[in-house]
Amino acid sequence: MSEVEVIEKIKGVVDSEIRPMLESHGGGIDLVGFDAAKGVLSVQLTGGCCGCPGAQATLSNMVERVVQRTVPEVREVVRA
């Protein structure tokens, strides 16, 4: 799969699964970049998520797991 295809797949899962969950709690997410060589997806949590003490847990327990389930090329999700 090409890098462009991987990024489109990431955008799709973020838009369909992750963003609605975060928005239901007053938060949001922006995709900042994807390092295909390392498999690292950089995101910025927004809204209520950006200052939340549970933001790191949200990244690893929800965002990372959902993305990796659909896009195995993503090895890690980090805050930008």
N, C-alpha and C. Protein backbone atom coordinates (compact mmCIF):
# COMPACT_ATOMS: atom_id res chain seq x y z
N MET A 1 0.84 -1.17 0.00
CA MET A 1 0.00 0.00 0.00
C MET A 1 0.89 1.24 0.00
N SER A 2 0.56 2.21 -0.83
CA SER A 2 1.36 3.43 -0.92
C SER A 2 1.13 4.32 0.31
N GLU A 3 2.04 5.26 0.51
CA GLU A 3 1.91 6.19 1.63
C GLU A 3 0.62 7.00 1.53
N VAL A 4 0.27 7.40 0.34
CA VAL A 4 -0.95 8.17 0.12
C VAL A 4 -2.17 7.33 0.51
N GLU A 5 -2.17 6.06 0.14
CA GLU A 5 -3.28 5.17 0.49
C GLU A 5 -3.39 4.98 2.00
N VAL A 6 -2.24 4.85 2.65
CA VAL A 6 -2.23 4.70 4.11
C VAL A 6 -2.81 5.94 4.76
N ILE A 7 -2.41 7.11 4.32
CA ILE A 7 -2.91 8.36 4.90
C ILE A 7 -4.42 8.49 4.68
N GLU A 8 -4.89 8.13 3.51
CA GLU A 8 -6.33 8.18 3.25
C GLU A 8 -7.09 7.21 4.15
N LYS A 9 -6.52 6.05 4.39
CA LYS A 9 -7.14 5.06 5.28
C LYS A 9 -7.17 5.59 6.71
N ILE A 10 -6.09 6.24 7.15
CA ILE A 10 -6.04 6.85 8.48
C ILE A 10 -7.12 7.92 8.60
N LYS A 11 -7.21 8.80 7.60
CA LYS A 11 -8.22 9.86 7.62
C LYS A 11 -9.63 9.27 7.71
N GLY A 12 -9.86 8.19 7.00
CA GLY A 12 -11.17 7.56 7.01
C GLY A 12 -11.56 7.04 8.37
N VAL A 13 -10.65 6.34 9.05
CA VAL A 13 -10.97 5.78 10.36
C VAL A 13 -11.09 6.89 11.41
N VAL A 14 -10.29 7.93 11.28
CA VAL A 14 -10.39 9.06 12.21
C VAL A 14 -11.74 9.75 12.04
N ASP A 15 -12.13 9.99 10.80
CA ASP A 15 -13.40 10.67 10.55
C ASP A 15 -14.63 9.84 10.92
N SER A 16 -14.55 8.55 10.70
CA SER A 16 -15.73 7.71 10.92
C SER A 16 -15.86 7.18 12.35
N GLU A 17 -14.74 6.94 13.03
CA GLU A 17 -14.81 6.32 14.36
C GLU A 17 -14.30 7.19 15.50
N ILE A 18 -13.14 7.80 15.32
CA ILE A 18 -12.49 8.50 16.44
C ILE A 18 -13.08 9.89 16.67
N ARG A 19 -13.18 10.68 15.62
CA ARG A 19 -13.68 12.05 15.78
C ARG A 19 -15.07 12.08 16.42
N PRO A 20 -16.03 11.25 15.99
CA PRO A 20 -17.35 11.29 16.63
C PRO A 20 -17.30 10.95 18.13
N MET A 21 -16.43 10.01 18.52
CA MET A 21 -16.32 9.67 19.94
C MET A 21 -15.78 10.86 20.74
N LEU A 22 -14.74 11.50 20.21
CA LEU A 22 -14.15 12.63 20.93
C LEU A 22 -15.11 13.82 20.97
N GLU A 23 -15.80 14.07 19.87
CA GLU A 23 -16.73 15.20 19.82
C GLU A 23 -17.90 15.00 20.79
N SER A 24 -18.27 13.77 21.04
CA SER A 24 -19.37 13.52 21.98
C SER A 24 -19.00 13.91 23.41
N HIS A 25 -17.70 14.12 23.65
CA HIS A 25 -17.21 14.53 24.97
C HIS A 25 -16.62 15.94 24.94
N GLY A 26 -16.91 16.68 23.87
CA GLY A 26 -16.44 18.06 23.77
C GLY A 26 -15.03 18.21 23.26
N GLY A 27 -14.46 17.15 22.71
CA GLY A 27 -13.09 17.21 22.22
C GLY A 27 -13.01 17.07 20.72
N GLY A 28 -11.81 16.94 20.23
CA GLY A 28 -11.59 16.77 18.81
C GLY A 28 -10.18 16.29 18.54
N ILE A 29 -9.89 16.08 17.28
CA ILE A 29 -8.57 15.59 16.89
C ILE A 29 -8.21 16.14 15.51
N ASP A 30 -6.96 16.54 15.35
CA ASP A 30 -6.43 16.97 14.06
C ASP A 30 -5.25 16.08 13.72
N LEU A 31 -5.19 15.64 12.48
CA LEU A 31 -4.03 14.87 12.02
C LEU A 31 -2.94 15.86 11.66
N VAL A 32 -1.75 15.65 12.21
CA VAL A 32 -0.63 16.56 11.95
C VAL A 32 0.30 15.98 10.90
N GLY A 33 0.58 14.69 10.99
CA GLY A 33 1.47 14.08 10.02
C GLY A 33 1.64 12.60 10.25
N PHE A 34 2.21 11.93 9.25
CA PHE A 34 2.49 10.50 9.34
C PHE A 34 3.87 10.25 8.79
N ASP A 35 4.73 9.67 9.62
CA ASP A 35 6.08 9.28 9.22
C ASP A 35 6.00 7.82 8.80
N ALA A 36 5.92 7.59 7.51
CA ALA A 36 5.74 6.23 6.99
C ALA A 36 6.92 5.33 7.32
N ALA A 37 8.13 5.87 7.32
CA ALA A 37 9.31 5.06 7.60
C ALA A 37 9.30 4.51 9.02
N LYS A 38 8.78 5.29 9.96
CA LYS A 38 8.73 4.88 11.36
C LYS A 38 7.37 4.34 11.77
N GLY A 39 6.35 4.61 10.97
CA GLY A 39 5.00 4.19 11.31
C GLY A 39 4.39 5.02 12.42
N VAL A 40 4.81 6.28 12.53
CA VAL A 40 4.37 7.15 13.61
C VAL A 40 3.37 8.18 13.08
N LEU A 41 2.18 8.18 13.68
CA LEU A 41 1.14 9.13 13.36
C LEU A 41 1.14 10.22 14.43
N SER A 42 1.25 11.47 14.01
CA SER A 42 1.21 12.60 14.94
C SER A 42 -0.16 13.24 14.87
N VAL A 43 -0.75 13.47 16.05
CA VAL A 43 -2.07 14.09 16.12
C VAL A 43 -2.06 15.20 17.16
N GLN A 44 -3.02 16.08 17.03
CA GLN A 44 -3.22 17.14 18.02
C GLN A 44 -4.63 16.98 18.56
N LEU A 45 -4.75 16.80 19.87
CA LEU A 45 -6.06 16.75 20.49
C LEU A 45 -6.54 18.17 20.69
N THR A 46 -7.82 18.41 20.43
CA THR A 46 -8.37 19.76 20.50
C THR A 46 -9.59 19.80 21.40
N GLY A 47 -10.11 21.00 21.59
CA GLY A 47 -11.30 21.16 22.43
C GLY A 47 -11.04 20.70 23.85
N GLY A 48 -12.01 20.03 24.43
CA GLY A 48 -11.90 19.55 25.80
C GLY A 48 -10.79 18.54 26.01
N CYS A 49 -10.33 17.91 24.93
CA CYS A 49 -9.28 16.90 25.06
C CYS A 49 -7.89 17.49 25.26
N CYS A 50 -7.66 18.71 24.77
CA CYS A 50 -6.29 19.24 24.79
C CYS A 50 -5.76 19.48 26.19
N GLY A 51 -6.60 19.79 27.14
CA GLY A 51 -6.11 20.03 28.50
C GLY A 51 -6.52 18.95 29.48
N CYS A 52 -7.12 17.92 28.98
CA CYS A 52 -7.65 16.86 29.85
C CYS A 52 -6.52 16.02 30.43
N PRO A 53 -6.58 15.73 31.75
CA PRO A 53 -5.54 14.89 32.35
C PRO A 53 -5.55 13.47 31.79
N GLY A 54 -6.64 13.05 31.18
CA GLY A 54 -6.71 11.71 30.61
C GLY A 54 -6.36 11.65 29.14
N ALA A 55 -5.80 12.73 28.60
CA ALA A 55 -5.51 12.79 27.17
C ALA A 55 -4.54 11.70 26.72
N GLN A 56 -3.53 11.41 27.50
CA GLN A 56 -2.57 10.37 27.10
C GLN A 56 -3.24 9.00 27.07
N ALA A 57 -4.12 8.75 28.03
CA ALA A 57 -4.86 7.49 28.03
C ALA A 57 -5.77 7.41 26.82
N THR A 58 -6.39 8.52 26.45
CA THR A 58 -7.24 8.56 25.26
C THR A 58 -6.42 8.22 24.02
N LEU A 59 -5.21 8.77 23.94
CA LEU A 59 -4.36 8.49 22.79
C LEU A 59 -4.00 7.02 22.69
N SER A 60 -3.52 6.46 23.79
CA SER A 60 -3.04 5.08 23.72
C SER A 60 -4.15 4.05 23.80
N ASN A 61 -5.17 4.29 24.60
CA ASN A 61 -6.22 3.29 24.78
C ASN A 61 -7.32 3.36 23.75
N MET A 62 -7.50 4.51 23.11
CA MET A 62 -8.58 4.61 22.13
C MET A 62 -8.04 4.92 20.74
N VAL A 63 -7.40 6.06 20.58
CA VAL A 63 -6.97 6.49 19.24
C VAL A 63 -6.00 5.47 18.64
N GLU A 64 -4.95 5.14 19.34
CA GLU A 64 -3.94 4.24 18.81
C GLU A 64 -4.53 2.86 18.49
N ARG A 65 -5.32 2.32 19.38
CA ARG A 65 -5.89 0.99 19.15
C ARG A 65 -6.84 0.96 17.96
N VAL A 66 -7.69 1.96 17.85
CA VAL A 66 -8.64 1.99 16.74
C VAL A 66 -7.90 2.13 15.41
N VAL A 67 -6.93 3.05 15.36
CA VAL A 67 -6.18 3.25 14.12
C VAL A 67 -5.40 1.99 13.76
N GLN A 68 -4.71 1.39 14.72
CA GLN A 68 -3.91 0.21 14.43
C GLN A 68 -4.76 -0.98 14.00
N ARG A 69 -5.97 -1.07 14.50
CA ARG A 69 -6.86 -2.16 14.10
C ARG A 69 -7.18 -2.09 12.61
N THR A 70 -7.30 -0.88 12.10
CA THR A 70 -7.67 -0.67 10.70
C THR A 70 -6.47 -0.45 9.80
N VAL A 71 -5.44 0.19 10.35
CA VAL A 71 -4.26 0.56 9.55
C VAL A 71 -3.01 0.01 10.25
N PRO A 72 -2.65 -1.24 9.98
CA PRO A 72 -1.51 -1.85 10.68
C PRO A 72 -0.17 -1.17 10.41
N GLU A 73 -0.10 -0.33 9.38
CA GLU A 73 1.14 0.40 9.10
C GLU A 73 1.45 1.41 10.19
N VAL A 74 0.46 1.79 10.98
CA VAL A 74 0.67 2.72 12.09
C VAL A 74 1.15 1.93 13.29
N ARG A 75 2.36 2.19 13.71
CA ARG A 75 2.94 1.49 14.86
C ARG A 75 2.75 2.26 16.17
N GLU A 76 2.61 3.60 16.05
CA GLU A 76 2.50 4.43 17.26
C GLU A 76 1.75 5.72 16.91
N VAL A 77 0.99 6.21 17.89
CA VAL A 77 0.32 7.50 17.76
C VAL A 77 0.86 8.41 18.85
N VAL A 78 1.33 9.59 18.46
CA VAL A 78 1.94 10.53 19.41
C VAL A 78 1.27 11.89 19.29
N ARG A 79 1.34 12.66 20.38
CA ARG A 79 0.85 14.04 20.38
C ARG A 79 1.88 14.94 19.71
N ALA A 80 1.40 15.79 18.83
CA ALA A 80 2.30 16.70 18.12
C ALA A 80 2.60 17.91 18.99
